[in-house]
Structure formats: C-alpha cells, structure tokens
PDB file of N, CA and C in Angstrom:
ATOM      1  N   UNK A   1     109.174  79.383  82.986  1.00  0.00           N
ATOM      2  CA  UNK A   1     109.467  81.038  83.895  1.00  0.00           C
ATOM      3  C   UNK A   1     110.767  80.966  84.266  1.00  0.00           C
ATOM      4  N   UNK A   2     111.432  82.613  83.591  1.00  0.00           N
ATOM      5  CA  UNK A   2     112.624  82.451  83.504  1.00  0.00           C
ATOM      6  C   UNK A   2     112.926  83.375  85.150  1.00  0.00           C
ATOM      7  N   UNK A   3     113.555  83.133  85.715  1.00  0.00           N
ATOM      8  CA  UNK A   3     114.037  84.125  86.944  1.00  0.00           C
ATOM      9  C   UNK A   3     115.330  84.791  86.680  1.00  0.00           C
ATOM     10  N   UNK A   4     115.379  85.953  86.797  1.00  0.00           N
ATOM     11  CA  UNK A   4     116.969  87.006  85.882  1.00  0.00           C
ATOM     12  C   UNK A   4     117.614  87.014  86.865  1.00  0.00           C
ATOM     13  N   UNK A   5     118.963  87.180  86.870  1.00  0.00           N
ATOM     14  CA  UNK A   5     119.718  87.470  87.389  1.00  0.00           C
ATOM     15  C   UNK A   5     120.012  88.751  88.511  1.00  0.00           C
ATOM     16  N   UNK A   6     119.513  90.004  88.124  1.00  0.00           N
ATOM     17  CA  UNK A   6     118.934  90.889  89.134  1.00  0.00           C
ATOM     18  C   UNK A   6     117.828  90.570  90.215  1.00  0.00           C
ATOM     19  N   UNK A   7     117.018  89.491  89.569  1.00  0.00           N
ATOM     20  CA  UNK A   7     115.644  89.150  90.764  1.00  0.00           C
ATOM     21  C   UNK A   7     116.865  87.667  91.924  1.00  0.00           C
ATOM     22  N   UNK A   8     117.515  87.365  91.552  1.00  0.00           N
ATOM     23  CA  UNK A   8     118.541  86.584  92.387  1.00  0.00           C
ATOM     24  C   UNK A   8     119.294  87.291  93.235  1.00  0.00           C
ATOM     25  N   UNK A   9     120.069  88.259  92.329  1.00  0.00           N
ATOM     26  CA  UNK A   9     120.374  89.316  93.197  1.00  0.00           C
ATOM     27  C   UNK A   9     119.720  89.629  94.562  1.00  0.00           C
ATOM     28  N   UNK A  10     119.072  90.232  93.680  1.00  0.00           N
ATOM     29  CA  UNK A  10     117.327  91.339  94.790  1.00  0.00           C
ATOM     30  C   UNK A  10     117.764  90.419  96.332  1.00  0.00           C
ATOM     31  N   UNK A  11     117.193  89.159  95.844  1.00  0.00           N
ATOM     32  CA  UNK A  11     116.153  88.032  96.886  1.00  0.00           C
ATOM     33  C   UNK A  11     117.825  87.290  97.473  1.00  0.00           C
ATOM     34  N   UNK A  12     119.038  86.872  97.132  1.00  0.00           N
ATOM     35  CA  UNK A  12     119.823  87.245  98.167  1.00  0.00           C
ATOM     36  C   UNK A  12     120.252  88.275  98.825  1.00  0.00           C
ATOM     37  N   UNK A  13     120.420  89.250  98.506  1.00  0.00           N
ATOM     38  CA  UNK A  13     120.926  90.369  98.934  1.00  0.00           C
ATOM     39  C   UNK A  13     119.778  90.948 100.173  1.00  0.00           C
ATOM     40  N   UNK A  14     118.376  90.238  99.777  1.00  0.00           N
ATOM     41  CA  UNK A  14     117.831  90.139 100.950  1.00  0.00           C
ATOM     42  C   UNK A  14     117.503  89.359 102.712  1.00  0.00           C
ATOM     43  N   UNK A  15     118.396  88.244 102.071  1.00  0.00           N
ATOM     44  CA  UNK A  15     119.125  87.149 102.603  1.00  0.00           C
ATOM     45  C   UNK A  15     120.011  87.329 103.204  1.00  0.00           C
ATOM     46  N   UNK A  16     120.970  88.067 102.842  1.00  0.00           N
ATOM     47  CA  UNK A  16     122.469  88.405 103.178  1.00  0.00           C
ATOM     48  C   UNK A  16     123.152  87.925 102.761  1.00  0.00           C
ATOM     49  N   UNK A  17     122.888  87.326 102.257  1.00  0.00           N
ATOM     50  CA  UNK A  17     123.708  86.294 100.749  1.00  0.00           C
ATOM     51  C   UNK A  17     124.822  86.793  99.958  1.00  0.00           C
ATOM     52  N   UNK A  18     126.189  86.395  99.975  1.00  0.00           N
ATOM     53  CA  UNK A  18     126.867  86.814  98.992  1.00  0.00           C
ATOM     54  C   UNK A  18     126.923  85.516  98.012  1.00  0.00           C
ATOM     55  N   UNK A  19     126.449  86.495  96.976  1.00  0.00           N
ATOM     56  CA  UNK A  19     126.571  85.321  95.733  1.00  0.00           C
ATOM     57  C   UNK A  19     127.798  85.576  94.347  1.00  0.00           C
ATOM     58  N   UNK A  20     128.404  84.235  93.899  1.00  0.00           N
ATOM     59  CA  UNK A  20     129.793  84.871  92.589  1.00  0.00           C
ATOM     60  C   UNK A  20     128.561  84.655  91.734  1.00  0.00           C
ATOM     61  N   UNK A  21     128.917  85.202  91.049  1.00  0.00           N
ATOM     62  CA  UNK A  21     128.223  85.220  89.514  1.00  0.00           C
ATOM     63  C   UNK A  21     127.400  83.963  88.691  1.00  0.00           C
ATOM     64  N   UNK A  22     128.730  82.942  89.214  1.00  0.00           N
ATOM     65  CA  UNK A  22     128.448  81.608  88.651  1.00  0.00           C
ATOM     66  C   UNK A  22     127.872  80.884  89.257  1.00  0.00           C
ATOM     67  N   UNK A  23     127.025  81.498  90.343  1.00  0.00           N
ATOM     68  CA  UNK A  23     125.663  80.931  91.495  1.00  0.00           C
ATOM     69  C   UNK A  23     125.056  81.588  91.138  1.00  0.00           C
ATOM     70  N   UNK A  24     124.628  82.770  91.168  1.00  0.00           N
ATOM     71  CA  UNK A  24     123.559  83.552  90.287  1.00  0.00           C
ATOM     72  C   UNK A  24     123.612  83.259  89.218  1.00  0.00           C
ATOM     73  N   UNK A  25     123.918  82.195  88.082  1.00  0.00           N
ATOM     74  CA  UNK A  25     123.768  81.800  87.211  1.00  0.00           C
ATOM     75  C   UNK A  25     123.097  80.656  87.750  1.00  0.00           C
ATOM     76  N   UNK A  26     124.003  80.033  88.070  1.00  0.00           N
ATOM     77  CA  UNK A  26     123.100  78.481  88.433  1.00  0.00           C
ATOM     78  C   UNK A  26     121.706  78.672  89.130  1.00  0.00           C
ATOM     79  N   UNK A  27     121.257  79.712  90.044  1.00  0.00           N
ATOM     80  CA  UNK A  27     119.885  80.061  90.825  1.00  0.00           C
ATOM     81  C   UNK A  27     119.105  80.739  90.272  1.00  0.00           C
ATOM     82  N   UNK A  28     119.550  81.255  89.061  1.00  0.00           N
ATOM     83  CA  UNK A  28     118.626  81.407  88.243  1.00  0.00           C
ATOM     84  C   UNK A  28     117.979  80.767  87.371  1.00  0.00           C
ATOM     85  N   UNK A  29     118.766  79.681  86.897  1.00  0.00           N
ATOM     86  CA  UNK A  29     118.055  78.471  86.047  1.00  0.00           C
ATOM     87  C   UNK A  29     117.704  78.138  87.085  1.00  0.00           C
ATOM     88  N   UNK A  30     117.902  77.081  87.944  1.00  0.00           N
ATOM     89  CA  UNK A  30     117.112  76.295  88.823  1.00  0.00           C
ATOM     90  C   UNK A  30     115.900  76.897  89.378  1.00  0.00           C
ATOM     91  N   UNK A  31     116.044  78.290  89.810  1.00  0.00           N
ATOM     92  CA  UNK A  31     114.592  78.651  90.485  1.00  0.00           C
ATOM     93  C   UNK A  31     113.581  79.385  89.832  1.00  0.00           C
ATOM     94  N   UNK A  32     114.026  78.891  88.420  1.00  0.00           N
ATOM     95  CA  UNK A  32     112.994  79.132  87.167  1.00  0.00           C
ATOM     96  C   UNK A  32     112.413  77.922  86.367  1.00  0.00           C
ATOM     97  N   UNK A  33     113.389  77.031  87.226  1.00  0.00           N
ATOM     98  CA  UNK A  33     112.964  75.653  86.547  1.00  0.00           C
ATOM     99  C   UNK A  33     111.334  75.284  87.328  1.00  0.00           C
ATOM    100  N   UNK A  34     112.048  75.435  88.770  1.00  0.00           N
ATOM    101  CA  UNK A  34     110.325  75.484  89.926  1.00  0.00           C
ATOM    102  C   UNK A  34     109.960  76.006  89.756  1.00  0.00           C
ATOM    103  N   UNK A  35     109.800  77.383  89.498  1.00  0.00           N
ATOM    104  CA  UNK A  35     108.416  78.267  89.167  1.00  0.00           C
ATOM    105  C   UNK A  35     107.799  77.844  87.379  1.00  0.00           C
ATOM    106  N   UNK A  36     108.658  77.033  86.805  1.00  0.00           N
ATOM    107  CA  UNK A  36     108.109  75.791  85.754  1.00  0.00           C
ATOM    108  C   UNK A  36     107.517  74.447  86.266  1.00  0.00           C
ATOM    109  N   UNK A  37     108.050  74.218  87.158  1.00  0.00           N
ATOM    110  CA  UNK A  37     107.603  73.112  87.486  1.00  0.00           C
ATOM    111  C   UNK A  37     105.552  73.186  88.012  1.00  0.00           C
ATOM    112  N   UNK A  38     106.465  74.729  88.999  1.00  0.00           N
ATOM    113  CA  UNK A  38     105.133  75.129  89.897  1.00  0.00           C
ATOM    114  C   UNK A  38     103.753  74.790  89.356  1.00  0.00           C
ATOM    115  N   UNK A  39     104.004  76.197  87.718  1.00  0.00           N
ATOM    116  CA  UNK A  39     103.261  76.289  86.827  1.00  0.00           C
ATOM    117  C   UNK A  39     102.611  75.208  86.160  1.00  0.00           C
ATOM    118  N   UNK A  40     102.861  74.024  86.135  1.00  0.00           N
ATOM    119  CA  UNK A  40     102.816  72.545  85.686  1.00  0.00           C
ATOM    120  C   UNK A  40     101.306  71.976  86.356  1.00  0.00           C
ATOM    121  N   UNK A  41     102.003  72.004  87.768  1.00  0.00           N
ATOM    122  CA  UNK A  41     101.681  71.660  89.008  1.00  0.00           C
ATOM    123  C   UNK A  41     100.099  72.381  88.823  1.00  0.00           C
ATOM    124  N   UNK A  42      99.887  73.449  88.471  1.00  0.00           N
ATOM    125  CA  UNK A  42      98.231  74.202  88.881  1.00  0.00           C
ATOM    126  C   UNK A  42      97.726  73.848  87.628  1.00  0.00           C
ATOM    127  N   UNK A  43      98.286  73.896  86.818  1.00  0.00           N
ATOM    128  CA  UNK A  43      97.046  73.211  85.429  1.00  0.00           C
ATOM    129  C   UNK A  43      96.190  71.665  86.394  1.00  0.00           C
ATOM    130  N   UNK A  44      97.296  71.166  87.154  1.00  0.00           N
ATOM    131  CA  UNK A  44      95.704  69.811  87.605  1.00  0.00           C
ATOM    132  C   UNK A  44      94.616  70.414  87.678  1.00  0.00           C
ATOM    133  N   UNK A  45      93.164  69.848  87.842  1.00  0.00           N
ATOM    134  CA  UNK A  45      92.409  69.983  87.888  1.00  0.00           C
ATOM    135  C   UNK A  45      92.386  68.919  90.020  1.00  0.00           C
ATOM    136  N   UNK A  46      92.197  69.950  90.766  1.00  0.00           N
ATOM    137  CA  UNK A  46      91.893  69.705  92.212  1.00  0.00           C
ATOM    138  C   UNK A  46      90.893  69.104  92.505  1.00  0.00           C
ATOM    139  N   UNK A  47      89.798  69.455  91.929  1.00  0.00           N
ATOM    140  CA  UNK A  47      88.666  70.521  92.653  1.00  0.00           C
ATOM    141  C   UNK A  47      87.656  68.368  92.877  1.00  0.00           C
ATOM    142  N   UNK A  48      87.939  67.407  92.710  1.00  0.00           N
ATOM    143  CA  UNK A  48      87.778  66.348  93.246  1.00  0.00           C
ATOM    144  C   UNK A  48      88.720  65.822  94.690  1.00  0.00           C
ATOM    145  N   UNK A  49      89.578  66.557  94.728  1.00  0.00           N
ATOM    146  CA  UNK A  49      90.301  66.098  96.310  1.00  0.00           C
ATOM    147  C   UNK A  49      89.682  66.689  97.130  1.00  0.00           C
ATOM    148  N   UNK A  50      89.813  65.686  98.099  1.00  0.00           N
ATOM    149  CA  UNK A  50      88.837  66.811  99.508  1.00  0.00           C
ATOM    150  C   UNK A  50      89.999  66.738 100.222  1.00  0.00           C
ATOM    151  N   UNK A  51      90.594  68.334 101.064  1.00  0.00           N
ATOM    152  CA  UNK A  51      91.212  68.846 101.816  1.00  0.00           C
ATOM    153  C   UNK A  51      91.688  68.159 102.785  1.00  0.00           C
ATOM    154  N   UNK A  52      92.864  67.757 103.275  1.00  0.00           N
ATOM    155  CA  UNK A  52      93.401  67.490 103.707  1.00  0.00           C
ATOM    156  C   UNK A  52      94.794  68.071 104.976  1.00  0.00           C
ATOM    157  N   UNK A  53      94.308  68.032 106.415  1.00  0.00           N
ATOM    158  CA  UNK A  53      95.670  68.358 107.119  1.00  0.00           C
ATOM    159  C   UNK A  53      96.309  67.708 107.988  1.00  0.00           C
ATOM    160  N   UNK A  54      96.338  66.557 107.888  1.00  0.00           N
ATOM    161  CA  UNK A  54      97.308  65.679 108.111  1.00  0.00           C
ATOM    162  C   UNK A  54      98.148  64.544 106.483  1.00  0.00           C
ATOM    163  N   UNK A  55      98.840  64.883 106.254  1.00  0.00           N
ATOM    164  CA  UNK A  55      99.112  64.526 105.022  1.00  0.00           C
ATOM    165  C   UNK A  55      99.303  62.415 105.107  1.00  0.00           C
ATOM    166  N   UNK A  56     100.213  62.324 106.655  1.00  0.00           N
ATOM    167  CA  UNK A  56     100.487  61.131 107.156  1.00  0.00           C
ATOM    168  C   UNK A  56      99.591  60.076 107.048  1.00  0.00           C
ATOM    169  N   UNK A  57      98.618  60.427 107.861  1.00  0.00           N
ATOM    170  CA  UNK A  57      97.572  59.350 108.429  1.00  0.00           C
ATOM    171  C   UNK A  57      96.565  59.949 108.570  1.00  0.00           C
ATOM    172  N   UNK A  58      95.247  58.995 108.830  1.00  0.00           N
ATOM    173  CA  UNK A  58      94.244  58.901 109.128  1.00  0.00           C
ATOM    174  C   UNK A  58      94.016  59.820 110.378  1.00  0.00           C
ATOM    175  N   UNK A  59      93.435  61.172 111.168  1.00  0.00           N
ATOM    176  CA  UNK A  59      93.618  61.598 112.194  1.00  0.00           C
ATOM    177  C   UNK A  59      93.165  62.380 112.602  1.00  0.00           C
ATOM    178  N   UNK A  60      91.946  62.953 114.384  1.00  0.00           N
ATOM    179  CA  UNK A  60      91.958  63.707 114.132  1.00  0.00           C
ATOM    180  C   UNK A  60      92.508  65.324 114.381  1.00  0.00           C
ATOM    181  N   UNK A  61      92.240  66.083 114.391  1.00  0.00           N
ATOM    182  CA  UNK A  61      92.637  67.304 114.204  1.00  0.00           C
ATOM    183  C   UNK A  61      94.153  68.150 115.125  1.00  0.00           C
ATOM    184  N   UNK A  62      92.948  67.420 115.878  1.00  0.00           N
ATOM    185  CA  UNK A  62      94.554  67.807 116.994  1.00  0.00           C
ATOM    186  C   UNK A  62      95.355  66.402 117.419  1.00  0.00           C
ATOM    187  N   UNK A  63      95.255  65.523 116.702  1.00  0.00           N
ATOM    188  CA  UNK A  63      96.200  64.321 117.025  1.00  0.00           C
ATOM    189  C   UNK A  63      97.564  64.268 117.151  1.00  0.00           C
ATOM    190  N   UNK A  64      98.583  65.236 116.545  1.00  0.00           N
ATOM    191  CA  UNK A  64      99.278  65.535 116.810  1.00  0.00           C
ATOM    192  C   UNK A  64      99.809  66.338 117.688  1.00  0.00           C
ATOM    193  N   UNK A  65      99.489  66.864 118.302  1.00  0.00           N
ATOM    194  CA  UNK A  65      99.219  67.743 119.395  1.00  0.00           C
ATOM    195  C   UNK A  65      99.827  67.251 120.999  1.00  0.00           C
ATOM    196  N   UNK A  66     100.525  67.494 121.688  1.00  0.00           N
ATOM    197  CA  UNK A  66     100.785  66.693 122.979  1.00  0.00           C
ATOM    198  C   UNK A  66      99.728  66.983 124.223  1.00  0.00           C
ATOM    199  N   UNK A  67      99.228  66.835 124.929  1.00  0.00           N
ATOM    200  CA  UNK A  67      98.239  67.172 125.807  1.00  0.00           C
ATOM    201  C   UNK A  67      98.985  68.517 126.675  1.00  0.00           C
ATOM    202  N   UNK A  68      98.035  69.969 126.807  1.00  0.00           N
ATOM    203  CA  UNK A  68      98.342  70.962 127.153  1.00  0.00           C
ATOM    204  C   UNK A  68      98.963  71.075 128.915  1.00  0.00           C
ATOM    205  N   UNK A  69      99.568  71.195 129.363  1.00  0.00           N
ATOM    206  CA  UNK A  69     100.189  70.877 130.760  1.00  0.00           C
ATOM    207  C   UNK A  69     100.884  72.229 130.925  1.00  0.00           C
ATOM    208  N   UNK A  70     100.768  71.934 132.675  1.00  0.00           N
ATOM    209  CA  UNK A  70     101.899  73.534 132.887  1.00  0.00           C
ATOM    210  C   UNK A  70     102.779  72.775 133.656  1.00  0.00           C
ATOM    211  N   UNK A  71     104.073  73.246 132.300  1.00  0.00           N
ATOM    212  CA  UNK A  71     105.279  72.654 133.251  1.00  0.00           C
ATOM    213  C   UNK A  71     106.237  73.931 133.982  1.00  0.00           C
ATOM    214  N   UNK A  72     107.190  73.408 134.486  1.00  0.00           N
ATOM    215  CA  UNK A  72     108.494  73.637 135.119  1.00  0.00           C
ATOM    216  C   UNK A  72     108.899  74.872 134.109  1.00  0.00           C
ATOM    217  N   UNK A  73     109.050  76.402 134.305  1.00  0.00           N
ATOM    218  CA  UNK A  73     110.102  76.753 133.287  1.00  0.00           C
ATOM    219  C   UNK A  73     111.324  77.119 133.464  1.00  0.00           C
ATOM    220  N   UNK A  74     112.298  77.021 132.565  1.00  0.00           N
ATOM    221  CA  UNK A  74     113.590  77.168 132.163  1.00  0.00           C
ATOM    222  C   UNK A  74     114.406  77.870 133.387  1.00  0.00           C
ATOM    223  N   UNK A  75     114.625  77.682 134.203  1.00  0.00           N
ATOM    224  CA  UNK A  75     115.326  79.453 134.513  1.00  0.00           C
ATOM    225  C   UNK A  75     116.636  80.004 133.268  1.00  0.00           C
ATOM    226  N   UNK A  76     117.070  81.020 133.552  1.00  0.00           N
ATOM    227  CA  UNK A  76     118.265  82.460 132.445  1.00  0.00           C
ATOM    228  C   UNK A  76     119.276  81.145 132.725  1.00  0.00           C
ATOM    229  N   UNK A  77     119.954  80.046 133.064  1.00  0.00           N
ATOM    230  CA  UNK A  77     121.212  79.097 133.459  1.00  0.00           C
ATOM    231  C   UNK A  77     120.838  78.772 132.348  1.00  0.00           C
ATOM    232  N   UNK A  78     120.068  77.857 132.143  1.00  0.00           N
ATOM    233  CA  UNK A  78     119.734  76.251 131.879  1.00  0.00           C
ATOM    234  C   UNK A  78     119.389  76.936 129.869  1.00  0.00           C
ATOM    235  N   UNK A  79     118.240  78.202 130.433  1.00  0.00           N
ATOM    236  CA  UNK A  79     117.783  78.187 128.991  1.00  0.00           C
ATOM    237  C   UNK A  79     119.255  79.212 128.180  1.00  0.00           C
ATOM    238  N   UNK A  80     120.016  80.010 128.127  1.00  0.00           N
ATOM    239  CA  UNK A  80     121.492  80.305 128.094  1.00  0.00           C
ATOM    240  C   UNK A  80     122.915  79.446 127.819  1.00  0.00           C
ATOM    241  N   UNK A  81     122.209  77.583 128.454  1.00  0.00           N
ATOM    242  CA  UNK A  81     122.901  77.101 128.551  1.00  0.00           C
ATOM    243  C   UNK A  81     123.457  76.804 127.199  1.00  0.00           C
ATOM    244  N   UNK A  82     122.900  76.208 126.355  1.00  0.00           N
ATOM    245  CA  UNK A  82     123.890  76.434 124.514  1.00  0.00           C
ATOM    246  C   UNK A  82     124.053  77.307 123.667  1.00  0.00           C
ATOM    247  N   UNK A  83     124.044  79.010 124.055  1.00  0.00           N
ATOM    248  CA  UNK A  83     124.400  80.010 123.658  1.00  0.00           C
ATOM    249  C   UNK A  83     125.074  80.070 123.066  1.00  0.00           C
ATOM    250  N   UNK A  84     126.145  80.279 121.609  1.00  0.00           N
ATOM    251  CA  UNK A  84     126.932  81.111 121.389  1.00  0.00           C
ATOM    252  C   UNK A  84     127.497  81.955 122.050  1.00  0.00           C
ATOM    253  N   UNK A  85     126.978  83.387 122.238  1.00  0.00           N
ATOM    254  CA  UNK A  85     127.381  83.860 123.341  1.00  0.00           C
ATOM    255  C   UNK A  85     126.079  84.644 124.268  1.00  0.00           C
ATOM    256  N   UNK A  86     127.088  84.700 125.429  1.00  0.00           N
ATOM    257  CA  UNK A  86     126.085  85.180 126.663  1.00  0.00           C
ATOM    258  C   UNK A  86     126.078  86.632 127.071  1.00  0.00           C
ATOM    259  N   UNK A  87     125.314  87.290 127.922  1.00  0.00           N
ATOM    260  CA  UNK A  87     126.012  88.296 128.767  1.00  0.00           C
ATOM    261  C   UNK A  87     124.516  88.655 128.895  1.00  0.00           C
ATOM    262  N   UNK A  88     124.558  89.344 130.690  1.00  0.00           N
ATOM    263  CA  UNK A  88     123.787  90.163 131.374  1.00  0.00           C
ATOM    264  C   UNK A  88     121.797  89.102 131.771  1.00  0.00           C
ATOM    265  N   UNK A  89     121.923  88.009 131.274  1.00  0.00           N
ATOM    266  CA  UNK A  89     121.361  87.111 131.551  1.00  0.00           C
ATOM    267  C   UNK A  89     119.878  87.510 129.878  1.00  0.00           C
ATOM    268  N   UNK A  90     120.915  87.167 128.875  1.00  0.00           N
ATOM    269  CA  UNK A  90     120.135  87.446 127.534  1.00  0.00           C
ATOM    270  C   UNK A  90     121.544  87.036 126.966  1.00  0.00           C
ATOM    271  N   UNK A  91     121.049  86.514 125.748  1.00  0.00           N
ATOM    272  CA  UNK A  91     121.576  85.817 124.219  1.00  0.00           C
ATOM    273  C   UNK A  91     121.928  87.851 123.829  1.00  0.00           C
ATOM    274  N   UNK A  92     123.411  87.481 123.197  1.00  0.00           N
ATOM    275  CA  UNK A  92     123.741  87.879 121.718  1.00  0.00           C
ATOM    276  C   UNK A  92     123.616  87.914 120.665  1.00  0.00           C
ATOM    277  N   UNK A  93     123.660  89.341 120.048  1.00  0.00           N
ATOM    278  CA  UNK A  93     123.184  87.883 118.544  1.00  0.00           C
ATOM    279  C   UNK A  93     124.393  89.742 117.902  1.00  0.00           C
ATOM    280  N   UNK A  94     124.813  88.751 116.857  1.00  0.00           N
ATOM    281  CA  UNK A  94     124.297  90.106 115.959  1.00  0.00           C
ATOM    282  C   UNK A  94     124.845  91.205 114.999  1.00  0.00           C
ATOM    283  N   UNK A  95     124.410  92.448 115.147  1.00  0.00           N
ATOM    284  CA  UNK A  95     123.167  93.136 115.000  1.00  0.00           C
ATOM    285  C   UNK A  95     123.661  93.129 112.905  1.00  0.00           C
ATOM    286  N   UNK A  96     122.015  93.055 113.058  1.00  0.00           N
ATOM    287  CA  UNK A  96     121.596  93.080 111.543  1.00  0.00           C
ATOM    288  C   UNK A  96     120.728  93.941 111.189  1.00  0.00           C
ATOM    289  N   UNK A  97     120.742  94.881 111.358  1.00  0.00           N
ATOM    290  CA  UNK A  97     119.662  96.130 111.088  1.00  0.00           C
ATOM    291  C   UNK A  97     120.523  96.849 109.656  1.00  0.00           C
ATOM    292  N   UNK A  98     121.670  97.191 109.670  1.00  0.00           N
ATOM    293  CA  UNK A  98     122.357  97.697 108.991  1.00  0.00           C
ATOM    294  C   UNK A  98     123.514  96.769 108.634  1.00  0.00           C
ATOM    295  N   UNK A  99     123.902  97.251 107.519  1.00  0.00           N
ATOM    296  CA  UNK A  99     124.944  96.256 106.516  1.00  0.00           C
ATOM    297  C   UNK A  99     126.342  97.270 107.018  1.00  0.00           C
TER     298      UNK A  99
END
C-alpha cells in the first residue's frame, strides 16, 4: 500500500513534527511497507486461534494488577520535584493550541 508524501506531511503536522524532504520520502516508503505487511497479516485465518488477554503466560485476568489499597497521597512539593518548570503549585507547559 502506498502512503503519499502529502499524507506523511499531514500526519507530521498533526504531531507538530518538522520533517525534511528526505525524511518525508523515507517515511512514505517505510509506512507503506508497514501497511503492506499488515494487509498480509490480515489474510491469515485466525478463526481457530483462541483469544488471549495476557500474551506472556497463562494466568487469571487480574494476575498483573496490584492489590487496590489506600496509600498516602503525594504532596505538591513531591509531585513537582521532577518537573522541568513549575510555578504556583502547578506544572508549567508550553502552549500547544496555536502554532
């Protein structure tokens, strides 16, 4: 399946990525290869394959979840300790609504 350069530029714009012409050309080819492979996988007959929720081992539905228990909450200082920019007890982030 062919992915056009226009489609690559559109998706890159949605993700706020600036791609060079060479990158657009390369991603167009690579994404096309991925979609072609996905089409090939869709041809497989999986009717006899039992659905699975956990691919690593056979276990109960909640085997990977921890016990739900009350824990002390983080105070604002601890929550913001690793924030690149903080102020007034909040995370500060760049404006992303407008370009």
